[in-house]
Amino acid sequence: MLDADGSTALHLVCEGSDIRFWEPDSVEAACAEQEQAICVLLAAGADPAALDRRGETPGDSYGALIERLVEEGSLPRERADQLLAANAPVLNVP
C-alpha cells in the first residue's frame, strides 16, 4: 500500500517527520521506537529497496533524518553513528 507520494509504510517510518519536533530529551526514545517499527515492518516483508515518487528508498530517508537530527543538535553524533550502523545493512543507508 502506498500513500499519495508513493511512500510505503517503511518510507514513512524512516522519514520520522514527527521525531524532529520532539523535545531533545525525547528524541532518543523516539529513535528507539522508530528502530523497533523498522524491525517489525522488515520482518513483515517490507521492501527496503522500494522507491517512492522521488526515487528514494526508505534508507535514503532514514539517513537524511539522522543527519538532520545531528545538525539540529537533537542527537549526538556518537548515537547517530550507532543508529546508522545498526540499520544501514538492512536499509542500505547511503
N, C-alpha and C. Protein backbone atom coordinates (compact mmCIF):
# COMPACT_ATOMS: atom_id res chain seq x y z
N MET A 1 0.84 -1.18 0.00
CA MET A 1 0.00 0.00 0.00
C MET A 1 0.89 1.24 0.00
N LEU A 2 0.54 2.20 -0.83
CA LEU A 2 1.31 3.44 -0.96
C LEU A 2 0.45 4.64 -0.60
N ASP A 3 1.11 5.70 -0.11
CA ASP A 3 0.36 6.93 0.12
C ASP A 3 0.39 7.77 -1.16
N ALA A 4 -0.09 8.99 -1.10
CA ALA A 4 -0.19 9.84 -2.28
C ALA A 4 1.17 10.17 -2.90
N ASP A 5 2.24 10.09 -2.11
CA ASP A 5 3.59 10.37 -2.61
C ASP A 5 4.31 9.11 -3.06
N GLY A 6 3.60 7.99 -3.05
CA GLY A 6 4.22 6.73 -3.44
C GLY A 6 5.08 6.13 -2.34
N SER A 7 4.90 6.60 -1.12
CA SER A 7 5.68 6.10 0.00
C SER A 7 5.02 4.88 0.63
N THR A 8 5.84 3.91 1.00
CA THR A 8 5.36 2.74 1.73
C THR A 8 5.35 3.06 3.22
N ALA A 9 4.82 2.14 4.01
CA ALA A 9 4.85 2.32 5.47
C ALA A 9 6.30 2.43 5.95
N LEU A 10 7.19 1.67 5.34
CA LEU A 10 8.59 1.74 5.75
C LEU A 10 9.19 3.10 5.43
N HIS A 11 8.85 3.66 4.28
CA HIS A 11 9.30 5.03 3.96
C HIS A 11 8.85 6.00 5.06
N LEU A 12 7.57 5.91 5.42
CA LEU A 12 7.01 6.86 6.37
C LEU A 12 7.66 6.73 7.74
N VAL A 13 7.91 5.52 8.18
CA VAL A 13 8.57 5.32 9.47
C VAL A 13 10.00 5.85 9.41
N CYS A 14 10.69 5.59 8.31
CA CYS A 14 12.07 6.03 8.18
C CYS A 14 12.20 7.55 8.05
N GLU A 15 11.19 8.19 7.50
CA GLU A 15 11.21 9.65 7.42
C GLU A 15 11.13 10.29 8.79
N GLY A 16 10.38 9.66 9.69
CA GLY A 16 10.31 10.10 11.07
C GLY A 16 10.03 11.57 11.26
N SER A 17 9.19 12.15 10.44
CA SER A 17 8.97 13.59 10.50
C SER A 17 8.56 14.08 11.87
N ASP A 18 7.82 13.28 12.60
CA ASP A 18 7.38 13.73 13.93
C ASP A 18 8.53 13.76 14.93
N ILE A 19 9.57 12.97 14.72
CA ILE A 19 10.70 12.94 15.66
C ILE A 19 11.37 14.30 15.72
N ARG A 20 11.42 15.01 14.63
CA ARG A 20 12.12 16.29 14.58
C ARG A 20 11.47 17.34 15.48
N PHE A 21 10.24 17.12 15.87
CA PHE A 21 9.53 18.11 16.67
C PHE A 21 9.41 17.73 18.13
N TRP A 22 10.04 16.63 18.53
CA TRP A 22 10.03 16.20 19.92
C TRP A 22 11.02 17.04 20.71
N GLU A 23 10.84 17.08 21.99
CA GLU A 23 11.80 17.73 22.87
C GLU A 23 13.11 16.94 22.80
N PRO A 24 14.25 17.62 22.92
CA PRO A 24 15.54 16.91 22.81
C PRO A 24 15.66 15.68 23.71
N ASP A 25 15.12 15.74 24.92
CA ASP A 25 15.21 14.59 25.82
C ASP A 25 14.39 13.41 25.32
N SER A 26 13.41 13.67 24.49
CA SER A 26 12.54 12.61 23.99
C SER A 26 13.00 12.04 22.66
N VAL A 27 13.96 12.66 22.01
CA VAL A 27 14.40 12.21 20.70
C VAL A 27 14.96 10.79 20.78
N GLU A 28 15.73 10.52 21.82
CA GLU A 28 16.31 9.18 21.97
C GLU A 28 15.22 8.12 22.08
N ALA A 29 14.20 8.39 22.85
CA ALA A 29 13.08 7.44 22.97
C ALA A 29 12.36 7.28 21.64
N ALA A 30 12.17 8.37 20.93
CA ALA A 30 11.51 8.31 19.63
C ALA A 30 12.34 7.51 18.64
N CYS A 31 13.65 7.67 18.66
CA CYS A 31 14.52 6.91 17.77
C CYS A 31 14.46 5.42 18.08
N ALA A 32 14.40 5.09 19.37
CA ALA A 32 14.30 3.68 19.76
C ALA A 32 12.98 3.08 19.28
N GLU A 33 11.90 3.83 19.40
CA GLU A 33 10.60 3.35 18.90
C GLU A 33 10.62 3.22 17.39
N GLN A 34 11.26 4.16 16.72
CA GLN A 34 11.37 4.10 15.27
C GLN A 34 12.14 2.85 14.85
N GLU A 35 13.22 2.57 15.56
CA GLU A 35 14.03 1.39 15.25
C GLU A 35 13.21 0.11 15.40
N GLN A 36 12.39 0.04 16.44
CA GLN A 36 11.51 -1.13 16.63
C GLN A 36 10.50 -1.24 15.49
N ALA A 37 9.93 -0.13 15.09
CA ALA A 37 8.94 -0.14 14.00
C ALA A 37 9.59 -0.59 12.69
N ILE A 38 10.82 -0.16 12.45
CA ILE A 38 11.54 -0.59 11.25
C ILE A 38 11.71 -2.10 11.26
N CYS A 39 12.12 -2.65 12.40
CA CYS A 39 12.31 -4.10 12.52
C CYS A 39 11.01 -4.86 12.28
N VAL A 40 9.92 -4.36 12.83
CA VAL A 40 8.62 -5.02 12.65
C VAL A 40 8.22 -5.01 11.17
N LEU A 41 8.37 -3.87 10.52
CA LEU A 41 7.99 -3.77 9.11
C LEU A 41 8.86 -4.66 8.23
N LEU A 42 10.15 -4.70 8.50
CA LEU A 42 11.03 -5.56 7.72
C LEU A 42 10.69 -7.03 7.94
N ALA A 43 10.41 -7.40 9.19
CA ALA A 43 10.03 -8.78 9.49
C ALA A 43 8.73 -9.17 8.80
N ALA A 44 7.87 -8.18 8.57
CA ALA A 44 6.58 -8.44 7.91
C ALA A 44 6.72 -8.42 6.38
N GLY A 45 7.94 -8.20 5.88
CA GLY A 45 8.16 -8.26 4.45
C GLY A 45 8.27 -6.93 3.73
N ALA A 46 8.40 -5.83 4.47
CA ALA A 46 8.56 -4.53 3.81
C ALA A 46 9.82 -4.54 2.96
N ASP A 47 9.76 -3.89 1.82
CA ASP A 47 10.86 -3.88 0.87
C ASP A 47 11.76 -2.67 1.10
N PRO A 48 12.99 -2.89 1.60
CA PRO A 48 13.88 -1.75 1.83
C PRO A 48 14.41 -1.12 0.55
N ALA A 49 14.19 -1.77 -0.58
CA ALA A 49 14.64 -1.22 -1.86
C ALA A 49 13.53 -0.49 -2.62
N ALA A 50 12.34 -0.41 -2.04
CA ALA A 50 11.21 0.26 -2.71
C ALA A 50 11.53 1.72 -2.92
N LEU A 51 11.16 2.22 -4.08
CA LEU A 51 11.37 3.63 -4.40
C LEU A 51 10.06 4.39 -4.31
N ASP A 52 10.13 5.60 -3.73
CA ASP A 52 8.95 6.45 -3.72
C ASP A 52 8.96 7.30 -5.00
N ARG A 53 8.06 8.24 -5.12
CA ARG A 53 7.99 9.05 -6.35
C ARG A 53 9.19 9.95 -6.56
N ARG A 54 9.95 10.19 -5.50
CA ARG A 54 11.17 10.99 -5.62
C ARG A 54 12.37 10.13 -6.01
N GLY A 55 12.12 8.81 -6.08
CA GLY A 55 13.21 7.88 -6.40
C GLY A 55 14.06 7.54 -5.20
N GLU A 56 13.52 7.75 -4.00
CA GLU A 56 14.27 7.48 -2.77
C GLU A 56 13.80 6.19 -2.11
N THR A 57 14.75 5.50 -1.50
CA THR A 57 14.44 4.31 -0.72
C THR A 57 14.17 4.72 0.73
N PRO A 58 13.62 3.83 1.53
CA PRO A 58 13.48 4.14 2.96
C PRO A 58 14.83 4.48 3.60
N GLY A 59 15.88 3.80 3.17
CA GLY A 59 17.21 4.08 3.72
C GLY A 59 17.69 5.49 3.42
N ASP A 60 17.35 6.00 2.24
CA ASP A 60 17.69 7.39 1.92
C ASP A 60 17.04 8.34 2.92
N SER A 61 15.76 8.10 3.18
CA SER A 61 15.02 8.95 4.11
C SER A 61 15.57 8.83 5.52
N TYR A 62 15.89 7.60 5.93
CA TYR A 62 16.41 7.37 7.28
C TYR A 62 17.75 8.08 7.47
N GLY A 63 18.64 7.92 6.52
CA GLY A 63 19.94 8.58 6.63
C GLY A 63 19.82 10.09 6.70
N ALA A 64 18.93 10.64 5.88
CA ALA A 64 18.71 12.09 5.89
C ALA A 64 18.15 12.57 7.23
N LEU A 65 17.21 11.80 7.79
CA LEU A 65 16.63 12.17 9.08
C LEU A 65 17.69 12.19 10.17
N ILE A 66 18.49 11.14 10.24
CA ILE A 66 19.51 11.06 11.28
C ILE A 66 20.49 12.22 11.15
N GLU A 67 20.90 12.54 9.94
CA GLU A 67 21.82 13.66 9.74
C GLU A 67 21.18 14.99 10.15
N ARG A 68 19.89 15.18 9.85
CA ARG A 68 19.20 16.42 10.27
C ARG A 68 19.17 16.52 11.79
N LEU A 69 18.90 15.40 12.46
CA LEU A 69 18.85 15.42 13.92
C LEU A 69 20.20 15.80 14.52
N VAL A 70 21.28 15.33 13.91
CA VAL A 70 22.62 15.70 14.37
C VAL A 70 22.86 17.18 14.12
N GLU A 71 22.55 17.64 12.92
CA GLU A 71 22.77 19.05 12.57
C GLU A 71 21.99 20.00 13.47
N GLU A 72 20.78 19.58 13.88
CA GLU A 72 19.94 20.41 14.74
C GLU A 72 20.36 20.33 16.20
N GLY A 73 21.29 19.43 16.51
CA GLY A 73 21.73 19.27 17.89
C GLY A 73 20.81 18.41 18.74
N SER A 74 19.88 17.71 18.10
CA SER A 74 18.93 16.88 18.84
C SER A 74 19.46 15.48 19.12
N LEU A 75 20.49 15.08 18.39
CA LEU A 75 21.03 13.73 18.53
C LEU A 75 22.55 13.81 18.48
N PRO A 76 23.23 13.26 19.49
CA PRO A 76 24.69 13.28 19.46
C PRO A 76 25.24 12.43 18.30
N ARG A 77 26.33 12.87 17.72
CA ARG A 77 26.95 12.17 16.59
C ARG A 77 27.22 10.70 16.92
N GLU A 78 27.71 10.44 18.12
CA GLU A 78 28.02 9.05 18.51
C GLU A 78 26.78 8.16 18.43
N ARG A 79 25.66 8.65 18.94
CA ARG A 79 24.41 7.87 18.89
C ARG A 79 23.91 7.75 17.46
N ALA A 80 24.05 8.80 16.68
CA ALA A 80 23.65 8.75 15.27
C ALA A 80 24.43 7.67 14.53
N ASP A 81 25.74 7.61 14.79
CA ASP A 81 26.57 6.59 14.15
C ASP A 81 26.12 5.18 14.55
N GLN A 82 25.73 5.02 15.82
CA GLN A 82 25.24 3.72 16.28
C GLN A 82 23.94 3.34 15.55
N LEU A 83 23.03 4.29 15.43
CA LEU A 83 21.75 4.02 14.75
C LEU A 83 21.98 3.70 13.28
N LEU A 84 22.85 4.45 12.64
CA LEU A 84 23.14 4.19 11.23
C LEU A 84 23.79 2.82 11.05
N ALA A 85 24.72 2.49 11.92
CA ALA A 85 25.40 1.19 11.82
C ALA A 85 24.42 0.04 12.03
N ALA A 86 23.48 0.22 12.95
CA ALA A 86 22.51 -0.84 13.23
C ALA A 86 21.53 -1.03 12.09
N ASN A 87 21.16 0.04 11.42
CA ASN A 87 20.13 -0.04 10.39
C ASN A 87 20.65 0.01 8.96
N ALA A 88 21.88 0.43 8.77
CA ALA A 88 22.42 0.55 7.42
C ALA A 88 22.40 -0.75 6.63
N PRO A 89 22.77 -1.88 7.22
CA PRO A 89 22.78 -3.11 6.42
C PRO A 89 21.40 -3.50 5.87
N VAL A 90 20.36 -3.31 6.65
CA VAL A 90 19.04 -3.72 6.19
C VAL A 90 18.34 -2.65 5.36
N LEU A 91 18.71 -1.40 5.58
CA LEU A 91 18.07 -0.30 4.85
C LEU A 91 18.91 0.24 3.70
N ASN A 92 20.14 -0.27 3.58
CA ASN A 92 21.03 0.22 2.53
C ASN A 92 21.20 1.73 2.60
N VAL A 93 21.45 2.24 3.81
CA VAL A 93 21.61 3.67 4.02
C VAL A 93 22.88 4.12 3.29
N PRO A 94 22.76 5.18 2.50
CA PRO A 94 23.96 5.65 1.76
C PRO A 94 25.01 6.24 2.68
